[in-house]
Amino acid sequence: RLVLGDAKCLVAPEAGVIGGYVHPKMADGLANTGRMAALVALRPLPASAPCDADRLRAIVAQLARHVVAAQPRFLSVASISADVVEKEREVFWAAHLEQLGPRKSGTIDENVKSKVLAGKMQKFYSENVLMCQELIAAPPAGSGESAKPAPVAEWLEQEARAMGLEQIAVEDFVFVTL
């Protein structure tokens, strides 16, 4: 018996690739870990430039594994609706005021509020926006365990330069729990 849930669709971009990853069932001996999957669509820019298709497929596969591990909600900061940003800012501010207590919360000026919300939103972006997240991957050979992972956007820029491309654009991604 086969039961279908939500159907998701990604269209392959011109000269681009779509790659996916399904987390193996019972991975690491943990129950229900095989219930996550991701699809990612990448496009090399310029599309007319010669491109190593095998390397691009390896990049999209690694990015799909990252999506399963990090579970981003948004592709980029620009893709977040104004309503979501406003709601998050309100929640962060209310939590900050509650943490300060009623006496201190009444004495905060707009400059402090602006700085607090900027910091909280940066943390939100680094946790929820694919292009802002630190790439979850094994460290490169010889880099040592202490090397800080690069953000996904920076990693894609490095990969594009190594391939002689201007950019590797993430067109879209889908993360599902099965």
C-alpha atoms as a PDB file:
ATOM      1  CA  ARG A   1       0.000   0.000   0.000  1.00  0.00           C
ATOM      2  CA  LEU A   2       1.373   3.404  -0.972  1.00  0.00           C
ATOM      3  CA  VAL A   3       0.198   6.612   0.676  1.00  0.00           C
ATOM      4  CA  LEU A   4       1.212   9.947  -0.815  1.00  0.00           C
ATOM      5  CA  GLY A   5       1.513  13.090   1.268  1.00  0.00           C
ATOM      6  CA  ASP A   6       2.386  16.498  -0.123  1.00  0.00           C
ATOM      7  CA  ALA A   7       3.709  16.563  -3.684  1.00  0.00           C
ATOM      8  CA  LYS A   8       6.615  18.912  -4.329  1.00  0.00           C
ATOM      9  CA  CYS A   9       8.069  19.809  -7.717  1.00  0.00           C
ATOM     10  CA  LEU A  10      11.306  21.438  -8.822  1.00  0.00           C
ATOM     11  CA  VAL A  11      11.985  22.243 -12.457  1.00  0.00           C
ATOM     12  CA  ALA A  12      15.544  21.832 -13.694  1.00  0.00           C
ATOM     13  CA  PRO A  13      16.987  25.251 -14.514  1.00  0.00           C
ATOM     14  CA  GLU A  14      18.559  25.887 -17.923  1.00  0.00           C
ATOM     15  CA  ALA A  15      21.985  24.180 -17.999  1.00  0.00           C
ATOM     16  CA  GLY A  16      21.469  23.345 -14.336  1.00  0.00           C
ATOM     17  CA  VAL A  17      20.931  20.257 -12.251  1.00  0.00           C
ATOM     18  CA  ILE A  18      18.616  18.938  -9.592  1.00  0.00           C
ATOM     19  CA  GLY A  19      19.995  16.690  -6.908  1.00  0.00           C
ATOM     20  CA  GLY A  20      18.494  15.025  -3.924  1.00  0.00           C
ATOM     21  CA  TYR A  21      19.200  13.189  -0.738  1.00  0.00           C
ATOM     22  CA  VAL A  22      17.083  10.869   1.395  1.00  0.00           C
ATOM     23  CA  HIS A  23      18.440  10.223   4.857  1.00  0.00           C
ATOM     24  CA  PRO A  24      18.889   6.444   5.302  1.00  0.00           C
ATOM     25  CA  LYS A  25      16.326   4.714   7.480  1.00  0.00           C
ATOM     26  CA  MET A  26      17.676   3.924  10.949  1.00  0.00           C
ATOM     27  CA  ALA A  27      20.848   5.931  10.273  1.00  0.00           C
ATOM     28  CA  ASP A  28      23.145   6.070  13.263  1.00  0.00           C
ATOM     29  CA  GLY A  29      20.871   3.561  14.974  1.00  0.00           C
ATOM     30  CA  LEU A  30      18.216   6.234  15.567  1.00  0.00           C
ATOM     31  CA  ALA A  31      14.573   5.511  14.848  1.00  0.00           C
ATOM     32  CA  ASN A  32      12.708   7.726  12.326  1.00  0.00           C
ATOM     33  CA  THR A  33      15.881   9.210  10.851  1.00  0.00           C
ATOM     34  CA  GLY A  34      14.998   7.923   7.385  1.00  0.00           C
ATOM     35  CA  ARG A  35      12.029  10.227   7.207  1.00  0.00           C
ATOM     36  CA  MET A  36      13.761  13.308   5.770  1.00  0.00           C
ATOM     37  CA  ALA A  37      14.590  14.210   2.179  1.00  0.00           C
ATOM     38  CA  ALA A  38      15.669  17.208   0.130  1.00  0.00           C
ATOM     39  CA  LEU A  39      15.804  18.322  -3.490  1.00  0.00           C
ATOM     40  CA  VAL A  40      17.997  21.216  -4.621  1.00  0.00           C
ATOM     41  CA  ALA A  41      18.115  22.968  -8.018  1.00  0.00           C
ATOM     42  CA  LEU A  42      21.408  24.632  -9.032  1.00  0.00           C
ATOM     43  CA  ARG A  43      22.321  26.669 -12.095  1.00  0.00           C
ATOM     44  CA  PRO A  44      25.845  27.623 -13.195  1.00  0.00           C
ATOM     45  CA  LEU A  45      26.272  31.233 -14.306  1.00  0.00           C
ATOM     46  CA  PRO A  46      26.778  32.146 -17.008  1.00  0.00           C
ATOM     47  CA  ALA A  47      24.697  29.280 -18.364  1.00  0.00           C
ATOM     48  CA  SER A  48      26.708  29.324 -21.602  1.00  0.00           C
ATOM     49  CA  ALA A  49      30.039  28.707 -19.800  1.00  0.00           C
ATOM     50  CA  PRO A  50      31.546  25.227 -20.029  1.00  0.00           C
ATOM     51  CA  CYS A  51      30.865  23.395 -16.800  1.00  0.00           C
ATOM     52  CA  ASP A  52      32.011  20.123 -15.256  1.00  0.00           C
ATOM     53  CA  ALA A  53      28.648  18.370 -14.925  1.00  0.00           C
ATOM     54  CA  ASP A  54      29.993  15.688 -12.569  1.00  0.00           C
ATOM     55  CA  ARG A  55      31.369  18.311 -10.202  1.00  0.00           C
ATOM     56  CA  LEU A  56      28.098  20.266 -10.325  1.00  0.00           C
ATOM     57  CA  ARG A  57      26.193  17.058  -9.467  1.00  0.00           C
ATOM     58  CA  ALA A  58      28.568  16.474  -6.518  1.00  0.00           C
ATOM     59  CA  ILE A  59      27.948  20.036  -5.297  1.00  0.00           C
ATOM     60  CA  VAL A  60      24.163  19.691  -5.525  1.00  0.00           C
ATOM     61  CA  ALA A  61      24.324  16.338  -3.713  1.00  0.00           C
ATOM     62  CA  GLN A  62      26.356  17.851  -0.873  1.00  0.00           C
ATOM     63  CA  LEU A  63      23.972  20.793  -0.656  1.00  0.00           C
ATOM     64  CA  ALA A  64      20.968  18.417  -0.510  1.00  0.00           C
ATOM     65  CA  ARG A  65      22.621  16.574   2.412  1.00  0.00           C
ATOM     66  CA  HIS A  66      23.140  19.943   4.113  1.00  0.00           C
ATOM     67  CA  VAL A  67      19.445  20.821   3.657  1.00  0.00           C
ATOM     68  CA  VAL A  68      18.422  17.561   5.365  1.00  0.00           C
ATOM     69  CA  ALA A  69      20.867  18.161   8.222  1.00  0.00           C
ATOM     70  CA  ALA A  70      20.197  21.884   8.773  1.00  0.00           C
ATOM     71  CA  GLN A  71      16.528  22.041   7.717  1.00  0.00           C
ATOM     72  CA  PRO A  72      16.453  25.658   6.475  1.00  0.00           C
ATOM     73  CA  ARG A  73      13.069  27.325   6.087  1.00  0.00           C
ATOM     74  CA  PHE A  74      14.056  29.946   3.491  1.00  0.00           C
ATOM     75  CA  LEU A  75      16.407  30.140   0.495  1.00  0.00           C
ATOM     76  CA  SER A  76      17.675  33.686   1.055  1.00  0.00           C
ATOM     77  CA  VAL A  77      16.993  36.673   3.277  1.00  0.00           C
ATOM     78  CA  ALA A  78      15.200  38.311   0.342  1.00  0.00           C
ATOM     79  CA  SER A  79      12.837  35.327   0.065  1.00  0.00           C
ATOM     80  CA  ILE A  80      11.415  35.885   3.564  1.00  0.00           C
ATOM     81  CA  SER A  81       8.112  37.739   3.510  1.00  0.00           C
ATOM     82  CA  ALA A  82       7.832  41.032   5.368  1.00  0.00           C
ATOM     83  CA  ASP A  83       5.112  39.496   7.559  1.00  0.00           C
ATOM     84  CA  VAL A  84       7.446  36.739   8.761  1.00  0.00           C
ATOM     85  CA  VAL A  85      10.267  39.223   9.455  1.00  0.00           C
ATOM     86  CA  GLU A  86       7.924  41.509  11.408  1.00  0.00           C
ATOM     87  CA  LYS A  87       6.495  38.627  13.423  1.00  0.00           C
ATOM     88  CA  GLU A  88       9.967  37.346  14.311  1.00  0.00           C
ATOM     89  CA  ARG A  89      11.083  40.837  15.358  1.00  0.00           C
ATOM     90  CA  GLU A  90       8.018  41.170  17.618  1.00  0.00           C
ATOM     91  CA  VAL A  91       8.647  37.769  19.213  1.00  0.00           C
ATOM     92  CA  PHE A  92      12.339  38.541  19.765  1.00  0.00           C
ATOM     93  CA  TRP A  93      11.564  41.937  21.282  1.00  0.00           C
ATOM     94  CA  ALA A  94       8.872  40.562  23.594  1.00  0.00           C
ATOM     95  CA  ALA A  95      11.235  37.817  24.785  1.00  0.00           C
ATOM     96  CA  HIS A  96      14.000  40.372  25.378  1.00  0.00           C
ATOM     97  CA  LEU A  97      11.694  42.639  27.408  1.00  0.00           C
ATOM     98  CA  GLU A  98      10.492  39.689  29.473  1.00  0.00           C
ATOM     99  CA  GLN A  99      14.074  38.697  30.168  1.00  0.00           C
ATOM    100  CA  LEU A 100      14.911  42.235  31.359  1.00  0.00           C
ATOM    101  CA  GLY A 101      11.958  42.482  33.683  1.00  0.00           C
ATOM    102  CA  PRO A 102       9.388  45.270  34.039  1.00  0.00           C
ATOM    103  CA  ARG A 103      11.683  47.851  35.695  1.00  0.00           C
ATOM    104  CA  LYS A 104      14.453  47.792  33.088  1.00  0.00           C
ATOM    105  CA  SER A 105      12.210  47.257  30.080  1.00  0.00           C
ATOM    106  CA  GLY A 106      10.678  50.717  30.357  1.00  0.00           C
ATOM    107  CA  THR A 107      14.047  52.495  30.055  1.00  0.00           C
ATOM    108  CA  ILE A 108      15.289  51.101  26.739  1.00  0.00           C
ATOM    109  CA  ASP A 109      15.888  53.617  23.950  1.00  0.00           C
ATOM    110  CA  GLU A 110      15.422  53.006  20.212  1.00  0.00           C
ATOM    111  CA  ASN A 111      19.178  52.668  19.552  1.00  0.00           C
ATOM    112  CA  VAL A 112      19.440  49.737  21.972  1.00  0.00           C
ATOM    113  CA  LYS A 113      16.274  48.189  20.550  1.00  0.00           C
ATOM    114  CA  SER A 114      17.687  48.449  17.045  1.00  0.00           C
ATOM    115  CA  LYS A 115      20.966  46.770  18.028  1.00  0.00           C
ATOM    116  CA  VAL A 116      19.252  43.972  19.963  1.00  0.00           C
ATOM    117  CA  LEU A 117      16.873  43.205  17.086  1.00  0.00           C
ATOM    118  CA  ALA A 118      19.679  43.326  14.512  1.00  0.00           C
ATOM    119  CA  GLY A 119      21.645  40.734  16.472  1.00  0.00           C
ATOM    120  CA  LYS A 120      18.627  38.496  17.018  1.00  0.00           C
ATOM    121  CA  MET A 121      17.685  38.671  13.321  1.00  0.00           C
ATOM    122  CA  GLN A 122      21.252  37.757  12.269  1.00  0.00           C
ATOM    123  CA  LYS A 123      21.008  34.667  14.470  1.00  0.00           C
ATOM    124  CA  PHE A 124      17.579  33.879  12.965  1.00  0.00           C
ATOM    125  CA  TYR A 125      19.013  34.162   9.438  1.00  0.00           C
ATOM    126  CA  SER A 126      22.015  31.957  10.269  1.00  0.00           C
ATOM    127  CA  GLU A 127      19.689  29.248  11.570  1.00  0.00           C
ATOM    128  CA  ASN A 128      16.819  29.459   9.056  1.00  0.00           C
ATOM    129  CA  VAL A 129      18.167  30.799   5.740  1.00  0.00           C
ATOM    130  CA  LEU A 130      19.993  28.304   3.523  1.00  0.00           C
ATOM    131  CA  MET A 131      22.424  30.813   2.038  1.00  0.00           C
ATOM    132  CA  CYS A 132      23.352  32.137   5.520  1.00  0.00           C
ATOM    133  CA  GLN A 133      23.835  28.768   7.223  1.00  0.00           C
ATOM    134  CA  GLU A 134      27.275  27.321   7.868  1.00  0.00           C
ATOM    135  CA  LEU A 135      27.786  24.374   5.547  1.00  0.00           C
ATOM    136  CA  ILE A 136      27.411  21.089   7.390  1.00  0.00           C
ATOM    137  CA  ALA A 137      30.034  18.837   5.858  1.00  0.00           C
ATOM    138  CA  ALA A 138      33.177  16.968   6.726  1.00  0.00           C
ATOM    139  CA  PRO A 139      36.104  19.401   7.027  1.00  0.00           C
ATOM    140  CA  PRO A 140      38.432  19.445   4.011  1.00  0.00           C
ATOM    141  CA  ALA A 141      41.435  17.133   4.298  1.00  0.00           C
ATOM    142  CA  GLY A 142      44.357  18.828   6.013  1.00  0.00           C
ATOM    143  CA  SER A 143      42.275  21.723   7.361  1.00  0.00           C
ATOM    144  CA  GLY A 144      42.128  20.357  10.893  1.00  0.00           C
ATOM    145  CA  GLU A 145      39.023  19.882  12.975  1.00  0.00           C
ATOM    146  CA  SER A 146      39.077  23.483  14.231  1.00  0.00           C
ATOM    147  CA  ALA A 147      38.493  25.065  10.793  1.00  0.00           C
ATOM    148  CA  LYS A 148      35.262  27.077  10.892  1.00  0.00           C
ATOM    149  CA  PRO A 149      32.768  25.979   8.244  1.00  0.00           C
ATOM    150  CA  ALA A 150      31.996  28.518   5.544  1.00  0.00           C
ATOM    151  CA  PRO A 151      28.481  29.857   5.008  1.00  0.00           C
ATOM    152  CA  VAL A 152      26.700  28.131   2.115  1.00  0.00           C
ATOM    153  CA  ALA A 153      26.847  31.293  -0.046  1.00  0.00           C
ATOM    154  CA  GLU A 154      30.609  31.594   0.479  1.00  0.00           C
ATOM    155  CA  TRP A 155      31.167  27.887  -0.198  1.00  0.00           C
ATOM    156  CA  LEU A 156      29.217  28.151  -3.472  1.00  0.00           C
ATOM    157  CA  GLU A 157      31.323  31.177  -4.480  1.00  0.00           C
ATOM    158  CA  GLN A 158      34.517  29.183  -3.843  1.00  0.00           C
ATOM    159  CA  GLU A 159      33.204  26.225  -5.837  1.00  0.00           C
ATOM    160  CA  ALA A 160      32.170  28.516  -8.716  1.00  0.00           C
ATOM    161  CA  ARG A 161      35.635  30.129  -8.843  1.00  0.00           C
ATOM    162  CA  ALA A 162      37.295  26.698  -8.797  1.00  0.00           C
ATOM    163  CA  MET A 163      35.124  25.684 -11.769  1.00  0.00           C
ATOM    164  CA  GLY A 164      35.801  28.919 -13.670  1.00  0.00           C
ATOM    165  CA  LEU A 165      32.222  30.161 -13.254  1.00  0.00           C
ATOM    166  CA  GLU A 166      30.943  33.546 -12.131  1.00  0.00           C
ATOM    167  CA  GLN A 167      28.421  31.970  -9.785  1.00  0.00           C
ATOM    168  CA  ILE A 168      26.534  28.827  -8.854  1.00  0.00           C
ATOM    169  CA  ALA A 169      22.977  29.940  -8.170  1.00  0.00           C
ATOM    170  CA  VAL A 170      20.595  27.989  -5.968  1.00  0.00           C
ATOM    171  CA  GLU A 171      17.314  28.286  -7.820  1.00  0.00           C
ATOM    172  CA  ASP A 172      15.201  26.552  -5.186  1.00  0.00           C
ATOM    173  CA  PHE A 173      15.121  23.735  -2.663  1.00  0.00           C
ATOM    174  CA  VAL A 174      12.544  21.485  -1.048  1.00  0.00           C
ATOM    175  CA  PHE A 175      12.870  19.843   2.360  1.00  0.00           C
ATOM    176  CA  VAL A 176      10.322  17.267   3.420  1.00  0.00           C
ATOM    177  CA  THR A 177       9.777  15.022   6.372  1.00  0.00           C
ATOM    178  CA  LEU A 178       8.219  11.789   5.230  1.00  0.00           C
END
